[in-house]
PDB file of N, CA and C in Angstrom:
ATOM      1  N   MET A   1      21.333  -5.063 -19.385  1.00  0.00           N
ATOM      2  CA  MET A   1      21.225  -5.474 -17.992  1.00  0.00           C
ATOM      3  C   MET A   1      21.115  -6.998 -17.958  1.00  0.00           C
ATOM      4  N   ASP A   2      21.998  -7.624 -17.194  1.00  0.00           N
ATOM      5  CA  ASP A   2      21.939  -9.081 -17.122  1.00  0.00           C
ATOM      6  C   ASP A   2      20.929  -9.528 -16.064  1.00  0.00           C
ATOM      7  N   LEU A   3      20.719 -10.817 -15.987  1.00  0.00           N
ATOM      8  CA  LEU A   3      19.694 -11.380 -15.104  1.00  0.00           C
ATOM      9  C   LEU A   3      19.937 -11.017 -13.641  1.00  0.00           C
ATOM     10  N   GLU A   4      21.181 -11.090 -13.205  1.00  0.00           N
ATOM     11  CA  GLU A   4      21.491 -10.783 -11.810  1.00  0.00           C
ATOM     12  C   GLU A   4      21.153  -9.327 -11.473  1.00  0.00           C
ATOM     13  N   GLU A   5      21.450  -8.420 -12.372  1.00  0.00           N
ATOM     14  CA  GLU A   5      21.123  -7.009 -12.152  1.00  0.00           C
ATOM     15  C   GLU A   5      19.617  -6.790 -12.135  1.00  0.00           C
ATOM     16  N   LYS A   6      18.894  -7.494 -12.989  1.00  0.00           N
ATOM     17  CA  LYS A   6      17.434  -7.386 -13.007  1.00  0.00           C
ATOM     18  C   LYS A   6      16.836  -7.873 -11.695  1.00  0.00           C
ATOM     19  N   ILE A   7      17.376  -8.963 -11.186  1.00  0.00           N
ATOM     20  CA  ILE A   7      16.887  -9.504  -9.909  1.00  0.00           C
ATOM     21  C   ILE A   7      17.170  -8.518  -8.777  1.00  0.00           C
ATOM     22  N   LYS A   8      18.366  -7.942  -8.765  1.00  0.00           N
ATOM     23  CA  LYS A   8      18.700  -6.953  -7.732  1.00  0.00           C
ATOM     24  C   LYS A   8      17.770  -5.742  -7.810  1.00  0.00           C
ATOM     25  N   GLU A   9      17.502  -5.284  -9.027  1.00  0.00           N
ATOM     26  CA  GLU A   9      16.606  -4.136  -9.211  1.00  0.00           C
ATOM     27  C   GLU A   9      15.185  -4.465  -8.747  1.00  0.00           C
ATOM     28  N   GLU A  10      14.724  -5.658  -9.068  1.00  0.00           N
ATOM     29  CA  GLU A  10      13.385  -6.093  -8.640  1.00  0.00           C
ATOM     30  C   GLU A  10      13.301  -6.166  -7.118  1.00  0.00           C
ATOM     31  N   ASN A  11      14.328  -6.708  -6.484  1.00  0.00           N
ATOM     32  CA  ASN A  11      14.358  -6.788  -5.022  1.00  0.00           C
ATOM     33  C   ASN A  11      14.389  -5.401  -4.390  1.00  0.00           C
ATOM     34  N   LYS A  12      15.119  -4.488  -5.008  1.00  0.00           N
ATOM     35  CA  LYS A  12      15.168  -3.107  -4.513  1.00  0.00           C
ATOM     36  C   LYS A  12      13.783  -2.468  -4.584  1.00  0.00           C
ATOM     37  N   LYS A  13      13.090  -2.663  -5.684  1.00  0.00           N
ATOM     38  CA  LYS A  13      11.736  -2.123  -5.828  1.00  0.00           C
ATOM     39  C   LYS A  13      10.800  -2.720  -4.782  1.00  0.00           C
ATOM     40  N   LEU A  14      10.917  -4.015  -4.538  1.00  0.00           N
ATOM     41  CA  LEU A  14      10.070  -4.664  -3.530  1.00  0.00           C
ATOM     42  C   LEU A  14      10.342  -4.104  -2.140  1.00  0.00           C
ATOM     43  N   ARG A  15      11.605  -3.878  -1.806  1.00  0.00           N
ATOM     44  CA  ARG A  15      11.935  -3.283  -0.500  1.00  0.00           C
ATOM     45  C   ARG A  15      11.326  -1.893  -0.372  1.00  0.00           C
ATOM     46  N   HIS A  16      11.411  -1.114  -1.433  1.00  0.00           N
ATOM     47  CA  HIS A  16      10.834   0.236  -1.406  1.00  0.00           C
ATOM     48  C   HIS A  16       9.315   0.170  -1.241  1.00  0.00           C
ATOM     49  N   LEU A  17       8.686  -0.767  -1.933  1.00  0.00           N
ATOM     50  CA  LEU A  17       7.235  -0.905  -1.816  1.00  0.00           C
ATOM     51  C   LEU A  17       6.842  -1.332  -0.407  1.00  0.00           C
ATOM     52  N   ARG A  18       7.562  -2.298   0.160  1.00  0.00           N
ATOM     53  CA  ARG A  18       7.261  -2.730   1.533  1.00  0.00           C
ATOM     54  C   ARG A  18       7.396  -1.569   2.511  1.00  0.00           C
ATOM     55  N   LEU A  19       8.437  -0.770   2.332  1.00  0.00           N
ATOM     56  CA  LEU A  19       8.630   0.388   3.201  1.00  0.00           C
ATOM     57  C   LEU A  19       7.466   1.364   3.060  1.00  0.00           C
ATOM     58  N   MET A  20       7.044   1.619   1.836  1.00  0.00           N
ATOM     59  CA  MET A  20       5.913   2.526   1.595  1.00  0.00           C
ATOM     60  C   MET A  20       4.641   1.995   2.254  1.00  0.00           C
ATOM     61  N   ILE A  21       4.398   0.699   2.134  1.00  0.00           N
ATOM     62  CA  ILE A  21       3.205   0.106   2.749  1.00  0.00           C
ATOM     63  C   ILE A  21       3.294   0.209   4.269  1.00  0.00           C
ATOM     64  N   ASP A  22       4.460  -0.114   4.831  1.00  0.00           N
ATOM     65  CA  ASP A  22       4.631  -0.021   6.282  1.00  0.00           C
ATOM     66  C   ASP A  22       4.429   1.414   6.774  1.00  0.00           C
ATOM     67  N   LEU A  23       4.984   2.369   6.056  1.00  0.00           N
ATOM     68  CA  LEU A  23       4.808   3.772   6.442  1.00  0.00           C
ATOM     69  C   LEU A  23       3.352   4.213   6.307  1.00  0.00           C
ATOM     70  N   SER A  24       2.686   3.741   5.282  1.00  0.00           N
ATOM     71  CA  SER A  24       1.268   4.076   5.095  1.00  0.00           C
ATOM     72  C   SER A  24       0.434   3.516   6.236  1.00  0.00           C
ATOM     73  N   ILE A  25       0.719   2.292   6.636  1.00  0.00           N
ATOM     74  CA  ILE A  25      -0.009   1.680   7.751  1.00  0.00           C
ATOM     75  C   ILE A  25       0.232   2.468   9.032  1.00  0.00           C
ATOM     76  N   GLN A  26       1.486   2.831   9.287  1.00  0.00           N
ATOM     77  CA  GLN A  26       1.780   3.636  10.474  1.00  0.00           C
ATOM     78  C   GLN A  26       1.028   4.960  10.444  1.00  0.00           C
ATOM     79  N   LEU A  27       1.026   5.592   9.303  1.00  0.00           N
ATOM     80  CA  LEU A  27       0.332   6.867   9.156  1.00  0.00           C
ATOM     81  C   LEU A  27      -1.161   6.710   9.412  1.00  0.00           C
ATOM     82  N   LEU A  28      -1.752   5.665   8.849  1.00  0.00           N
ATOM     83  CA  LEU A  28      -3.186   5.430   9.040  1.00  0.00           C
ATOM     84  C   LEU A  28      -3.515   5.158  10.506  1.00  0.00           C
ATOM     85  N   TYR A  29      -2.632   4.458  11.207  1.00  0.00           N
ATOM     86  CA  TYR A  29      -2.867   4.174  12.624  1.00  0.00           C
ATOM     87  C   TYR A  29      -2.644   5.402  13.504  1.00  0.00           C
ATOM     88  N   GLN A  30      -1.625   6.174  13.207  1.00  0.00           N
ATOM     89  CA  GLN A  30      -1.169   7.181  14.159  1.00  0.00           C
ATOM     90  C   GLN A  30      -1.725   8.580  13.942  1.00  0.00           C
ATOM     91  N   GLN A  31      -2.237   8.865  12.770  1.00  0.00           N
ATOM     92  CA  GLN A  31      -2.730  10.225  12.527  1.00  0.00           C
ATOM     93  C   GLN A  31      -4.005  10.461  13.322  1.00  0.00           C
ATOM     94  N   LYS A  32      -3.954  11.469  14.165  1.00  0.00           N
ATOM     95  CA  LYS A  32      -5.133  11.810  14.964  1.00  0.00           C
ATOM     96  C   LYS A  32      -6.190  12.415  14.063  1.00  0.00           C
ATOM     97  N   ASN A  33      -7.430  12.152  14.391  1.00  0.00           N
ATOM     98  CA  ASN A  33      -8.575  12.700  13.651  1.00  0.00           C
ATOM     99  C   ASN A  33      -8.517  12.392  12.158  1.00  0.00           C
ATOM    100  N   LEU A  34      -8.076  11.202  11.822  1.00  0.00           N
ATOM    101  CA  LEU A  34      -8.020  10.781  10.421  1.00  0.00           C
ATOM    102  C   LEU A  34      -9.438  10.665   9.883  1.00  0.00           C
ATOM    103  N   SER A  35      -9.697  11.320   8.772  1.00  0.00           N
ATOM    104  CA  SER A  35     -11.014  11.202   8.143  1.00  0.00           C
ATOM    105  C   SER A  35     -10.987  10.052   7.143  1.00  0.00           C
ATOM    106  N   LEU A  36     -12.167   9.603   6.773  1.00  0.00           N
ATOM    107  CA  LEU A  36     -12.264   8.524   5.800  1.00  0.00           C
ATOM    108  C   LEU A  36     -11.641   8.943   4.472  1.00  0.00           C
ATOM    109  N   SER A  37     -11.902  10.161   4.043  1.00  0.00           N
ATOM    110  CA  SER A  37     -11.344  10.616   2.760  1.00  0.00           C
ATOM    111  C   SER A  37      -9.819  10.699   2.814  1.00  0.00           C
ATOM    112  N   GLU A  38      -9.266  11.104   3.952  1.00  0.00           N
ATOM    113  CA  GLU A  38      -7.807  11.117   4.093  1.00  0.00           C
ATOM    114  C   GLU A  38      -7.246   9.700   4.052  1.00  0.00           C
ATOM    115  N   GLY A  39      -7.931   8.781   4.706  1.00  0.00           N
ATOM    116  CA  GLY A  39      -7.498   7.385   4.680  1.00  0.00           C
ATOM    117  C   GLY A  39      -7.481   6.832   3.270  1.00  0.00           C
ATOM    118  N   PHE A  40      -8.542   7.094   2.528  1.00  0.00           N
ATOM    119  CA  PHE A  40      -8.594   6.643   1.136  1.00  0.00           C
ATOM    120  C   PHE A  40      -7.509   7.316   0.297  1.00  0.00           C
ATOM    121  N   LYS A  41      -7.217   8.572   0.611  1.00  0.00           N
ATOM    122  CA  LYS A  41      -6.171   9.290  -0.129  1.00  0.00           C
ATOM    123  C   LYS A  41      -4.813   8.620   0.083  1.00  0.00           C
ATOM    124  N   TYR A  42      -4.508   8.251   1.325  1.00  0.00           N
ATOM    125  CA  TYR A  42      -3.234   7.589   1.605  1.00  0.00           C
ATOM    126  C   TYR A  42      -3.150   6.228   0.913  1.00  0.00           C
ATOM    127  N   ILE A  43      -4.258   5.518   0.888  1.00  0.00           N
ATOM    128  CA  ILE A  43      -4.275   4.227   0.198  1.00  0.00           C
ATOM    129  C   ILE A  43      -4.058   4.429  -1.300  1.00  0.00           C
ATOM    130  N   ALA A  44      -4.694   5.434  -1.869  1.00  0.00           N
ATOM    131  CA  ALA A  44      -4.520   5.721  -3.300  1.00  0.00           C
ATOM    132  C   ALA A  44      -3.079   6.127  -3.606  1.00  0.00           C
ATOM    133  N   LEU A  45      -2.468   6.903  -2.727  1.00  0.00           N
ATOM    134  CA  LEU A  45      -1.071   7.290  -2.934  1.00  0.00           C
ATOM    135  C   LEU A  45      -0.154   6.075  -2.895  1.00  0.00           C
ATOM    136  N   ALA A  46      -0.404   5.161  -1.967  1.00  0.00           N
ATOM    137  CA  ALA A  46       0.399   3.937  -1.897  1.00  0.00           C
ATOM    138  C   ALA A  46       0.215   3.104  -3.161  1.00  0.00           C
ATOM    139  N   ARG A  47      -1.022   3.027  -3.638  1.00  0.00           N
ATOM    140  CA  ARG A  47      -1.300   2.264  -4.866  1.00  0.00           C
ATOM    141  C   ARG A  47      -0.597   2.899  -6.066  1.00  0.00           C
ATOM    142  N   ASN A  48      -0.656   4.211  -6.171  1.00  0.00           N
ATOM    143  CA  ASN A  48       0.015   4.904  -7.271  1.00  0.00           C
ATOM    144  C   ASN A  48       1.526   4.685  -7.223  1.00  0.00           C
ATOM    145  N   TYR A  49       2.084   4.678  -6.017  1.00  0.00           N
ATOM    146  CA  TYR A  49       3.518   4.418  -5.877  1.00  0.00           C
ATOM    147  C   TYR A  49       3.843   2.998  -6.335  1.00  0.00           C
ATOM    148  N   ALA A  50       3.016   2.045  -5.929  1.00  0.00           N
ATOM    149  CA  ALA A  50       3.229   0.653  -6.344  1.00  0.00           C
ATOM    150  C   ALA A  50       3.178   0.528  -7.860  1.00  0.00           C
ATOM    151  N   ILE A  51       2.229   1.207  -8.475  1.00  0.00           N
ATOM    152  CA  ILE A  51       2.102   1.143  -9.935  1.00  0.00           C
ATOM    153  C   ILE A  51       3.289   1.831 -10.609  1.00  0.00           C
ATOM    154  N   SER A  52       3.832   2.868  -9.983  1.00  0.00           N
ATOM    155  CA  SER A  52       5.017   3.514 -10.569  1.00  0.00           C
ATOM    156  C   SER A  52       6.217   2.568 -10.559  1.00  0.00           C
ATOM    157  N   LEU A  53       6.284   1.703  -9.550  1.00  0.00           N
ATOM    158  CA  LEU A  53       7.369   0.723  -9.490  1.00  0.00           C
ATOM    159  C   LEU A  53       7.096  -0.484 -10.374  1.00  0.00           C
ATOM    160  N   PHE A  54       5.835  -0.912 -10.387  1.00  0.00           N
ATOM    161  CA  PHE A  54       5.438  -2.120 -11.112  1.00  0.00           C
ATOM    162  C   PHE A  54       4.220  -1.800 -11.980  1.00  0.00           C
ATOM    163  N   PRO A  55       4.447  -1.219 -13.153  1.00  0.00           N
ATOM    164  CA  PRO A  55       3.324  -0.872 -14.037  1.00  0.00           C
ATOM    165  C   PRO A  55       2.449  -2.089 -14.345  1.00  0.00           C
ATOM    166  N   ASP A  56       1.173  -1.846 -14.510  1.00  0.00           N
ATOM    167  CA  ASP A  56       0.189  -2.888 -14.830  1.00  0.00           C
ATOM    168  C   ASP A  56       0.006  -3.906 -13.710  1.00  0.00           C
ATOM    169  N   LYS A  57       0.389  -3.567 -12.488  1.00  0.00           N
ATOM    170  CA  LYS A  57       0.216  -4.492 -11.363  1.00  0.00           C
ATOM    171  C   LYS A  57      -0.738  -3.930 -10.314  1.00  0.00           C
ATOM    172  N   GLY A  58      -1.644  -3.063 -10.736  1.00  0.00           N
ATOM    173  CA  GLY A  58      -2.613  -2.498  -9.808  1.00  0.00           C
ATOM    174  C   GLY A  58      -3.502  -3.550  -9.179  1.00  0.00           C
ATOM    175  N   GLU A  59      -3.861  -4.568  -9.949  1.00  0.00           N
ATOM    176  CA  GLU A  59      -4.703  -5.640  -9.404  1.00  0.00           C
ATOM    177  C   GLU A  59      -3.970  -6.417  -8.321  1.00  0.00           C
ATOM    178  N   VAL A  60      -2.676  -6.603  -8.484  1.00  0.00           N
ATOM    179  CA  VAL A  60      -1.890  -7.294  -7.462  1.00  0.00           C
ATOM    180  C   VAL A  60      -1.898  -6.474  -6.176  1.00  0.00           C
ATOM    181  N   PHE A  61      -1.750  -5.167  -6.284  1.00  0.00           N
ATOM    182  CA  PHE A  61      -1.832  -4.296  -5.113  1.00  0.00           C
ATOM    183  C   PHE A  61      -3.183  -4.472  -4.432  1.00  0.00           C
ATOM    184  N   ASP A  62      -4.255  -4.477  -5.232  1.00  0.00           N
ATOM    185  CA  ASP A  62      -5.608  -4.595  -4.683  1.00  0.00           C
ATOM    186  C   ASP A  62      -5.816  -5.912  -3.946  1.00  0.00           C
ATOM    187  N   ILE A  63      -5.135  -6.951  -4.373  1.00  0.00           N
ATOM    188  CA  ILE A  63      -5.279  -8.265  -3.736  1.00  0.00           C
ATOM    189  C   ILE A  63      -4.374  -8.398  -2.515  1.00  0.00           C
ATOM    190  N   VAL A  64      -3.140  -7.914  -2.621  1.00  0.00           N
ATOM    191  CA  VAL A  64      -2.141  -8.161  -1.578  1.00  0.00           C
ATOM    192  C   VAL A  64      -2.127  -7.078  -0.503  1.00  0.00           C
ATOM    193  N   TYR A  65      -2.090  -5.823  -0.907  1.00  0.00           N
ATOM    194  CA  TYR A  65      -1.865  -4.740   0.053  1.00  0.00           C
ATOM    195  C   TYR A  65      -3.118  -3.979   0.470  1.00  0.00           C
ATOM    196  N   LYS A  66      -4.036  -3.782  -0.424  1.00  0.00           N
ATOM    197  CA  LYS A  66      -5.219  -2.982  -0.101  1.00  0.00           C
ATOM    198  C   LYS A  66      -5.998  -3.541   1.092  1.00  0.00           C
ATOM    199  N   PRO A  67      -6.202  -4.866   1.188  1.00  0.00           N
ATOM    200  CA  PRO A  67      -6.921  -5.373   2.370  1.00  0.00           C
ATOM    201  C   PRO A  67      -6.234  -5.022   3.689  1.00  0.00           C
ATOM    202  N   ARG A  68      -4.902  -5.045   3.717  1.00  0.00           N
ATOM    203  CA  ARG A  68      -4.176  -4.672   4.937  1.00  0.00           C
ATOM    204  C   ARG A  68      -4.445  -3.216   5.296  1.00  0.00           C
ATOM    205  N   LEU A  69      -4.403  -2.359   4.302  1.00  0.00           N
ATOM    206  CA  LEU A  69      -4.627  -0.936   4.542  1.00  0.00           C
ATOM    207  C   LEU A  69      -6.078  -0.665   4.939  1.00  0.00           C
ATOM    208  N   MET A  70      -7.005  -1.349   4.309  1.00  0.00           N
ATOM    209  CA  MET A  70      -8.424  -1.166   4.633  1.00  0.00           C
ATOM    210  C   MET A  70      -8.737  -1.662   6.045  1.00  0.00           C
ATOM    211  N   ARG A  71      -8.055  -2.714   6.498  1.00  0.00           N
ATOM    212  CA  ARG A  71      -8.265  -3.203   7.865  1.00  0.00           C
ATOM    213  C   ARG A  71      -7.909  -2.139   8.896  1.00  0.00           C
ATOM    214  N   VAL A  72      -6.905  -1.338   8.592  1.00  0.00           N
ATOM    215  CA  VAL A  72      -6.553  -0.253   9.516  1.00  0.00           C
ATOM    216  C   VAL A  72      -7.719   0.722   9.637  1.00  0.00           C
ATOM    217  N   LEU A  73      -8.320   1.071   8.505  1.00  0.00           N
ATOM    218  CA  LEU A  73      -9.478   1.972   8.556  1.00  0.00           C
ATOM    219  C   LEU A  73     -10.619   1.335   9.334  1.00  0.00           C
ATOM    220  N   GLU A  74     -10.789   0.030   9.174  1.00  0.00           N
ATOM    221  CA  GLU A  74     -11.835  -0.670   9.920  1.00  0.00           C
ATOM    222  C   GLU A  74     -11.522  -0.670  11.414  1.00  0.00           C
ATOM    223  N   GLU A  75     -10.275  -0.938  11.776  1.00  0.00           N
ATOM    224  CA  GLU A  75      -9.892  -0.945  13.188  1.00  0.00           C
ATOM    225  C   GLU A  75     -10.050   0.433  13.826  1.00  0.00           C
ATOM    226  N   ARG A  76      -9.940   1.459  13.024  1.00  0.00           N
ATOM    227  CA  ARG A  76     -10.143   2.822  13.525  1.00  0.00           C
ATOM    228  C   ARG A  76     -11.608   3.230  13.467  1.00  0.00           C
ATOM    229  N   ASN A  77     -12.473   2.281  13.125  1.00  0.00           N
ATOM    230  CA  ASN A  77     -13.921   2.491  13.054  1.00  0.00           C
ATOM    231  C   ASN A  77     -14.328   3.555  12.037  1.00  0.00           C
ATOM    232  N   LEU A  78     -13.582   3.631  10.947  1.00  0.00           N
ATOM    233  CA  LEU A  78     -13.947   4.549   9.874  1.00  0.00           C
ATOM    234  C   LEU A  78     -14.820   3.863   8.835  1.00  0.00           C
ATOM    235  N   ILE A  79     -14.688   2.539   8.727  1.00  0.00           N
ATOM    236  CA  ILE A  79     -15.480   1.768   7.768  1.00  0.00           C
ATOM    237  C   ILE A  79     -15.779   0.401   8.351  1.00  0.00           C
ATOM    238  N   SER A  80     -16.713  -0.272   7.718  1.00  0.00           N
ATOM    239  CA  SER A  80     -16.946  -1.689   7.963  1.00  0.00           C
ATOM    240  C   SER A  80     -16.478  -2.385   6.703  1.00  0.00           C
ATOM    241  N   TYR A  81     -15.430  -3.208   6.818  1.00  0.00           N
ATOM    242  CA  TYR A  81     -14.786  -3.769   5.628  1.00  0.00           C
ATOM    243  C   TYR A  81     -14.644  -5.270   5.772  1.00  0.00           C
ATOM    244  N   SER A  82     -14.922  -5.957   4.688  1.00  0.00           N
ATOM    245  CA  SER A  82     -14.680  -7.396   4.603  1.00  0.00           C
ATOM    246  C   SER A  82     -13.970  -7.654   3.294  1.00  0.00           C
ATOM    247  N   ALA A  83     -12.841  -8.354   3.338  1.00  0.00           N
ATOM    248  CA  ALA A  83     -12.055  -8.630   2.128  1.00  0.00           C
ATOM    249  C   ALA A  83     -12.733  -9.650   1.238  1.00  0.00           C
ATOM    250  N   ASN A  84     -13.732 -10.346   1.739  1.00  0.00           N
ATOM    251  CA  ASN A  84     -14.405 -11.386   0.936  1.00  0.00           C
ATOM    252  C   ASN A  84     -15.421 -10.802   0.027  1.00  0.00           C
TER     253      ASN A  84
END
């Protein structure tokens, strides 16, 4: 695989991850009667998907995407969350 193909593959993975995160956020916002455990389950599924695309990048997910997902749970009054 040459460099151009690697870049295309990386961009494809990033698009898939962004879509997964966007869908997870929509699900967290729109699901009626969402429980805290269900919310955490969806976040864990998104994290597992990210790791399947980018192995050994779980910490990056925790820094970049997890705060966005946790804010949804906070906005739904399921948790009190601060990223700091």
